[in-house]
C-alpha atoms as a PDB file:
ATOM      1  CA  MET A   1     106.393 177.909 161.585  1.00  0.00           C
ATOM      2  CA  LYS A   2     103.933 180.779 161.177  1.00  0.00           C
ATOM      3  CA  LYS A   3     101.018 178.368 161.589  1.00  0.00           C
ATOM      4  CA  PHE A   4     102.532 177.239 164.901  1.00  0.00           C
ATOM      5  CA  TYR A   5     102.604 180.817 166.225  1.00  0.00           C
ATOM      6  CA  ILE A   6      99.079 181.547 165.062  1.00  0.00           C
ATOM      7  CA  ASN A   7      97.800 178.374 166.742  1.00  0.00           C
ATOM      8  CA  LEU A   8      99.700 179.251 169.920  1.00  0.00           C
ATOM      9  CA  LEU A   9      98.256 182.763 169.937  1.00  0.00           C
ATOM     10  CA  LYS A  10      94.756 181.439 169.298  1.00  0.00           C
ATOM     11  CA  SER A  11      95.167 178.948 172.157  1.00  0.00           C
ATOM     12  CA  LEU A  12      96.328 181.668 174.552  1.00  0.00           C
ATOM     13  CA  LEU A  13      93.443 183.933 173.563  1.00  0.00           C
ATOM     14  CA  TYR A  14      91.029 181.029 173.981  1.00  0.00           C
ATOM     15  CA  ILE A  15      92.356 180.340 177.489  1.00  0.00           C
ATOM     16  CA  ALA A  16      92.038 184.050 178.333  1.00  0.00           C
ATOM     17  CA  PHE A  17      88.476 183.983 176.957  1.00  0.00           C
ATOM     18  CA  ILE A  18      87.570 180.986 179.166  1.00  0.00           C
ATOM     19  CA  ILE A  19      89.124 182.560 182.285  1.00  0.00           C
ATOM     20  CA  THR A  20      87.406 185.919 181.766  1.00  0.00           C
ATOM     21  CA  THR A  21      84.112 184.104 181.181  1.00  0.00           C
ATOM     22  CA  LYS A  22      84.478 182.211 184.455  1.00  0.00           C
ATOM     23  CA  PHE A  23      85.340 185.331 186.445  1.00  0.00           C
ATOM     24  CA  LYS A  24      82.708 187.464 184.678  1.00  0.00           C
ATOM     25  CA  LYS A  25      85.121 190.100 183.376  1.00  0.00           C
ATOM     26  CA  GLN A  26      82.922 191.259 180.507  1.00  0.00           C
ATOM     27  CA  LYS A  27      85.155 193.928 178.941  1.00  0.00           C
ATOM     28  CA  LEU A  28      88.190 191.650 178.911  1.00  0.00           C
ATOM     29  CA  ASN A  29      86.042 188.780 177.696  1.00  0.00           C
ATOM     30  CA  ASP A  30      84.767 190.873 174.789  1.00  0.00           C
ATOM     31  CA  TYR A  31      88.316 191.964 173.963  1.00  0.00           C
ATOM     32  CA  PHE A  32      89.734 188.425 173.949  1.00  0.00           C
ATOM     33  CA  SER A  33      86.839 187.042 171.910  1.00  0.00           C
ATOM     34  CA  ARG A  34      87.168 189.811 169.300  1.00  0.00           C
ATOM     35  CA  LYS A  35      90.942 189.305 169.080  1.00  0.00           C
ATOM     36  CA  PHE A  36      90.555 185.530 168.793  1.00  0.00           C
ATOM     37  CA  LEU A  37      88.034 185.938 165.974  1.00  0.00           C
ATOM     38  CA  GLU A  38      90.123 188.593 164.225  1.00  0.00           C
ATOM     39  CA  ILE A  39      93.271 186.439 164.216  1.00  0.00           C
ATOM     40  CA  ASN A  40      91.322 183.333 163.215  1.00  0.00           C
ATOM     41  CA  ASN A  41      89.454 185.047 160.370  1.00  0.00           C
ATOM     42  CA  ASP A  42      92.606 186.719 159.018  1.00  0.00           C
ATOM     43  CA  TYR A  43      94.323 183.331 158.969  1.00  0.00           C
ATOM     44  CA  VAL A  44      91.343 181.698 157.213  1.00  0.00           C
ATOM     45  CA  LEU A  45      91.175 184.438 154.577  1.00  0.00           C
ATOM     46  CA  LYS A  46      94.900 184.074 153.840  1.00  0.00           C
ATOM     47  CA  LYS A  47      94.580 180.288 153.533  1.00  0.00           C
ATOM     48  CA  ILE A  48      91.589 180.354 151.190  1.00  0.00           C
ATOM     49  CA  LYS A  49      93.009 183.001 148.870  1.00  0.00           C
ATOM     50  CA  LYS A  50      95.211 180.213 147.579  1.00  0.00           C
ATOM     51  CA  LYS A  51      92.280 177.876 146.933  1.00  0.00           C
ATOM     52  CA  ILE A  52      88.555 177.970 147.615  1.00  0.00           C
ATOM     53  CA  ASN A  53      87.367 175.099 145.487  1.00  0.00           C
ATOM     54  CA  GLY A  54      85.537 172.394 147.327  1.00  0.00           C
ATOM     55  CA  LYS A  55      82.664 172.232 149.735  1.00  0.00           C
ATOM     56  CA  ILE A  56      81.586 175.242 151.769  1.00  0.00           C
ATOM     57  CA  LEU A  57      79.418 174.718 154.829  1.00  0.00           C
ATOM     58  CA  ILE A  58      77.455 177.654 156.213  1.00  0.00           C
ATOM     59  CA  LEU A  59      76.408 176.911 159.786  1.00  0.00           C
ATOM     60  CA  LEU A  60      73.616 179.087 161.125  1.00  0.00           C
ATOM     61  CA  PRO A  61      71.895 179.260 164.514  1.00  0.00           C
ATOM     62  CA  HIS A  62      68.250 178.208 164.691  1.00  0.00           C
ATOM     63  CA  CYS A  63      67.314 181.580 166.242  1.00  0.00           C
ATOM     64  CA  ILE A  64      67.365 183.248 162.821  1.00  0.00           C
ATOM     65  CA  GLN A  65      64.128 181.451 161.958  1.00  0.00           C
ATOM     66  CA  LEU A  66      60.865 183.082 163.016  1.00  0.00           C
ATOM     67  CA  TYR A  67      60.218 181.503 166.410  1.00  0.00           C
ATOM     68  CA  ASP A  68      56.580 180.576 165.744  1.00  0.00           C
ATOM     69  CA  CYS A  69      57.041 179.231 162.215  1.00  0.00           C
ATOM     70  CA  GLU A  70      55.416 175.820 161.895  1.00  0.00           C
ATOM     71  CA  TYR A  71      57.932 174.666 159.261  1.00  0.00           C
ATOM     72  CA  LYS A  72      61.040 173.817 161.261  1.00  0.00           C
ATOM     73  CA  ILE A  73      64.239 173.978 159.266  1.00  0.00           C
ATOM     74  CA  THR A  74      66.717 172.449 161.715  1.00  0.00           C
ATOM     75  CA  SER A  75      66.642 169.088 159.958  1.00  0.00           C
ATOM     76  CA  ASP A  76      66.445 170.497 156.420  1.00  0.00           C
ATOM     77  CA  ILE A  77      66.601 174.103 155.248  1.00  0.00           C
ATOM     78  CA  ASN A  78      64.444 173.136 152.262  1.00  0.00           C
ATOM     79  CA  ASN A  79      61.480 172.840 154.657  1.00  0.00           C
ATOM     80  CA  CYS A  80      61.338 176.641 154.417  1.00  0.00           C
ATOM     81  CA  ARG A  81      58.242 177.824 152.548  1.00  0.00           C
ATOM     82  CA  VAL A  82      60.023 181.025 151.432  1.00  0.00           C
ATOM     83  CA  CYS A  83      57.293 183.231 152.878  1.00  0.00           C
ATOM     84  CA  GLY A  84      59.665 186.126 153.580  1.00  0.00           C
ATOM     85  CA  LYS A  85      58.669 186.545 157.239  1.00  0.00           C
ATOM     86  CA  CYS A  86      62.188 185.651 158.400  1.00  0.00           C
ATOM     87  CA  VAL A  87      65.644 185.553 156.830  1.00  0.00           C
ATOM     88  CA  ILE A  88      65.860 181.849 156.001  1.00  0.00           C
ATOM     89  CA  TYR A  89      64.608 182.309 152.429  1.00  0.00           C
ATOM     90  CA  ASN A  90      67.810 184.226 151.608  1.00  0.00           C
ATOM     91  CA  PHE A  91      69.881 181.221 152.577  1.00  0.00           C
ATOM     92  CA  VAL A  92      67.648 178.821 150.650  1.00  0.00           C
ATOM     93  CA  ASP A  93      68.356 180.991 147.610  1.00  0.00           C
ATOM     94  CA  ILE A  94      72.124 180.876 148.256  1.00  0.00           C
ATOM     95  CA  GLN A  95      72.092 177.097 148.607  1.00  0.00           C
ATOM     96  CA  ASN A  96      70.128 176.737 145.361  1.00  0.00           C
ATOM     97  CA  LYS A  97      72.430 179.153 143.521  1.00  0.00           C
ATOM     98  CA  TYR A  98      75.775 177.637 144.483  1.00  0.00           C
ATOM     99  CA  GLN A  99      76.397 173.912 143.985  1.00  0.00           C
ATOM    100  CA  ASN A 100      79.316 173.724 146.416  1.00  0.00           C
ATOM    101  CA  VAL A 101      77.514 175.495 149.292  1.00  0.00           C
ATOM    102  CA  GLU A 102      75.604 173.545 151.893  1.00  0.00           C
ATOM    103  CA  ILE A 103      73.645 175.385 154.555  1.00  0.00           C
ATOM    104  CA  LYS A 104      72.835 173.776 157.867  1.00  0.00           C
ATOM    105  CA  ILE A 105      70.915 175.071 160.848  1.00  0.00           C
ATOM    106  CA  ALA A 106      72.286 173.965 164.213  1.00  0.00           C
ATOM    107  CA  THR A 107      70.501 174.030 167.544  1.00  0.00           C
ATOM    108  CA  GLY A 108      73.809 173.740 169.359  1.00  0.00           C
ATOM    109  CA  GLY A 109      77.410 172.608 169.286  1.00  0.00           C
ATOM    110  CA  THR A 110      76.693 168.879 169.167  1.00  0.00           C
ATOM    111  CA  LEU A 111      74.636 169.181 165.988  1.00  0.00           C
ATOM    112  CA  ALA A 112      77.160 171.588 164.456  1.00  0.00           C
ATOM    113  CA  ARG A 113      80.018 169.132 165.091  1.00  0.00           C
ATOM    114  CA  LYS A 114      77.909 166.342 163.556  1.00  0.00           C
ATOM    115  CA  TYR A 115      77.411 168.389 160.371  1.00  0.00           C
ATOM    116  CA  VAL A 116      81.141 169.132 160.141  1.00  0.00           C
ATOM    117  CA  LYS A 117      82.038 165.446 160.506  1.00  0.00           C
ATOM    118  CA  GLU A 118      79.456 164.374 157.902  1.00  0.00           C
ATOM    119  CA  ILE A 119      80.196 167.018 155.279  1.00  0.00           C
ATOM    120  CA  LYS A 120      83.967 167.474 155.769  1.00  0.00           C
ATOM    121  CA  PRO A 121      83.971 170.906 154.111  1.00  0.00           C
ATOM    122  CA  ASN A 122      86.979 172.814 152.816  1.00  0.00           C
ATOM    123  CA  LEU A 123      85.622 175.957 154.473  1.00  0.00           C
ATOM    124  CA  ILE A 124      83.078 176.566 157.211  1.00  0.00           C
ATOM    125  CA  ILE A 125      81.339 179.904 157.630  1.00  0.00           C
ATOM    126  CA  ALA A 126      79.810 179.850 161.096  1.00  0.00           C
ATOM    127  CA  VAL A 127      77.391 182.268 162.713  1.00  0.00           C
ATOM    128  CA  ALA A 128      76.787 181.948 166.438  1.00  0.00           C
ATOM    129  CA  CYS A 129      76.731 183.818 169.722  1.00  0.00           C
ATOM    130  CA  LYS A 130      80.116 184.691 171.197  1.00  0.00           C
ATOM    131  CA  ARG A 131      80.605 181.717 173.519  1.00  0.00           C
ATOM    132  CA  ASP A 132      79.370 179.110 171.029  1.00  0.00           C
ATOM    133  CA  LEU A 133      81.333 180.569 168.124  1.00  0.00           C
ATOM    134  CA  ILE A 134      84.679 180.772 169.924  1.00  0.00           C
ATOM    135  CA  SER A 135      84.412 177.272 171.388  1.00  0.00           C
ATOM    136  CA  GLY A 136      83.070 175.929 168.082  1.00  0.00           C
ATOM    137  CA  ILE A 137      86.057 177.255 166.150  1.00  0.00           C
ATOM    138  CA  LYS A 138      88.397 175.521 168.610  1.00  0.00           C
ATOM    139  CA  ASP A 139      86.361 172.288 168.443  1.00  0.00           C
ATOM    140  CA  ALA A 140      86.395 172.273 164.638  1.00  0.00           C
ATOM    141  CA  GLU A 141      90.180 172.389 164.264  1.00  0.00           C
ATOM    142  CA  PRO A 142      91.832 171.566 161.853  1.00  0.00           C
ATOM    143  CA  PHE A 143      88.924 172.712 159.621  1.00  0.00           C
ATOM    144  CA  LEU A 144      89.053 176.316 158.432  1.00  0.00           C
ATOM    145  CA  VAL A 145      86.222 178.215 160.137  1.00  0.00           C
ATOM    146  CA  TYR A 146      85.404 181.815 159.285  1.00  0.00           C
ATOM    147  CA  GLY A 147      83.368 183.101 162.220  1.00  0.00           C
ATOM    148  CA  VAL A 148      80.676 185.780 162.382  1.00  0.00           C
ATOM    149  CA  PHE A 149      79.225 186.881 165.707  1.00  0.00           C
ATOM    150  CA  ASN A 150      75.444 186.689 165.883  1.00  0.00           C
ATOM    151  CA  LYS A 151      74.642 190.073 167.374  1.00  0.00           C
ATOM    152  CA  ILE A 152      71.194 189.914 168.895  1.00  0.00           C
ATOM    153  CA  LYS A 153      69.788 193.104 170.362  1.00  0.00           C
ATOM    154  CA  GLY A 154      66.203 192.073 170.946  1.00  0.00           C
ATOM    155  CA  GLU A 155      65.951 190.923 167.342  1.00  0.00           C
ATOM    156  CA  PRO A 156      67.255 188.033 165.244  1.00  0.00           C
ATOM    157  CA  VAL A 157      70.474 188.639 163.343  1.00  0.00           C
ATOM    158  CA  SER A 158      70.218 191.243 160.554  1.00  0.00           C
ATOM    159  CA  ILE A 159      70.328 189.318 157.292  1.00  0.00           C
ATOM    160  CA  GLN A 160      71.665 192.271 155.335  1.00  0.00           C
ATOM    161  CA  GLN A 161      74.606 192.665 157.716  1.00  0.00           C
ATOM    162  CA  LEU A 162      75.240 188.943 157.803  1.00  0.00           C
ATOM    163  CA  LEU A 163      75.197 188.407 154.035  1.00  0.00           C
ATOM    164  CA  TRP A 164      77.294 191.507 153.478  1.00  0.00           C
ATOM    165  CA  MET A 165      79.903 190.393 156.028  1.00  0.00           C
ATOM    166  CA  ILE A 166      80.103 186.881 154.611  1.00  0.00           C
ATOM    167  CA  PHE A 167      80.138 187.501 150.880  1.00  0.00           C
ATOM    168  CA  MET A 168      82.246 190.657 150.854  1.00  0.00           C
ATOM    169  CA  LYS A 169      85.070 188.607 152.372  1.00  0.00           C
ATOM    170  CA  PHE A 170      84.913 185.950 149.652  1.00  0.00           C
END
């Protein structure tokens, strides 16, 4: 029964998020998106404490790669030359270290959904901008998706913050 109430609350928050997006109510929109993510992530953490064996998919936005890098990693993260100019090399290291972790770079929701359908992970850790992350979590149901907002303030996402947020939770 608790799952029913959590799903109902998430659905109501999602509807409020969509409405405030349409009517450009930024403060309310930020509030509803944060609440949606908070409730979702708490639920995911409670579910995986029982079991976290199986495949983990880390979905990342393509904007974390250096924009003028000639080695595009959207089709395969192993195309990274590990030069250290952007944050991708950290994720290449994570994928090589952990057998059950697969890291994919998505250029948008369609590609992200394709990866989820192909891999069928037990847990998804997704990083995206607010709108894409909230709608992506809803689209990916019934998969467990732990979401992290990609906070861009003139710069790509901070890898230290991102890795800290992800791995301190698990």
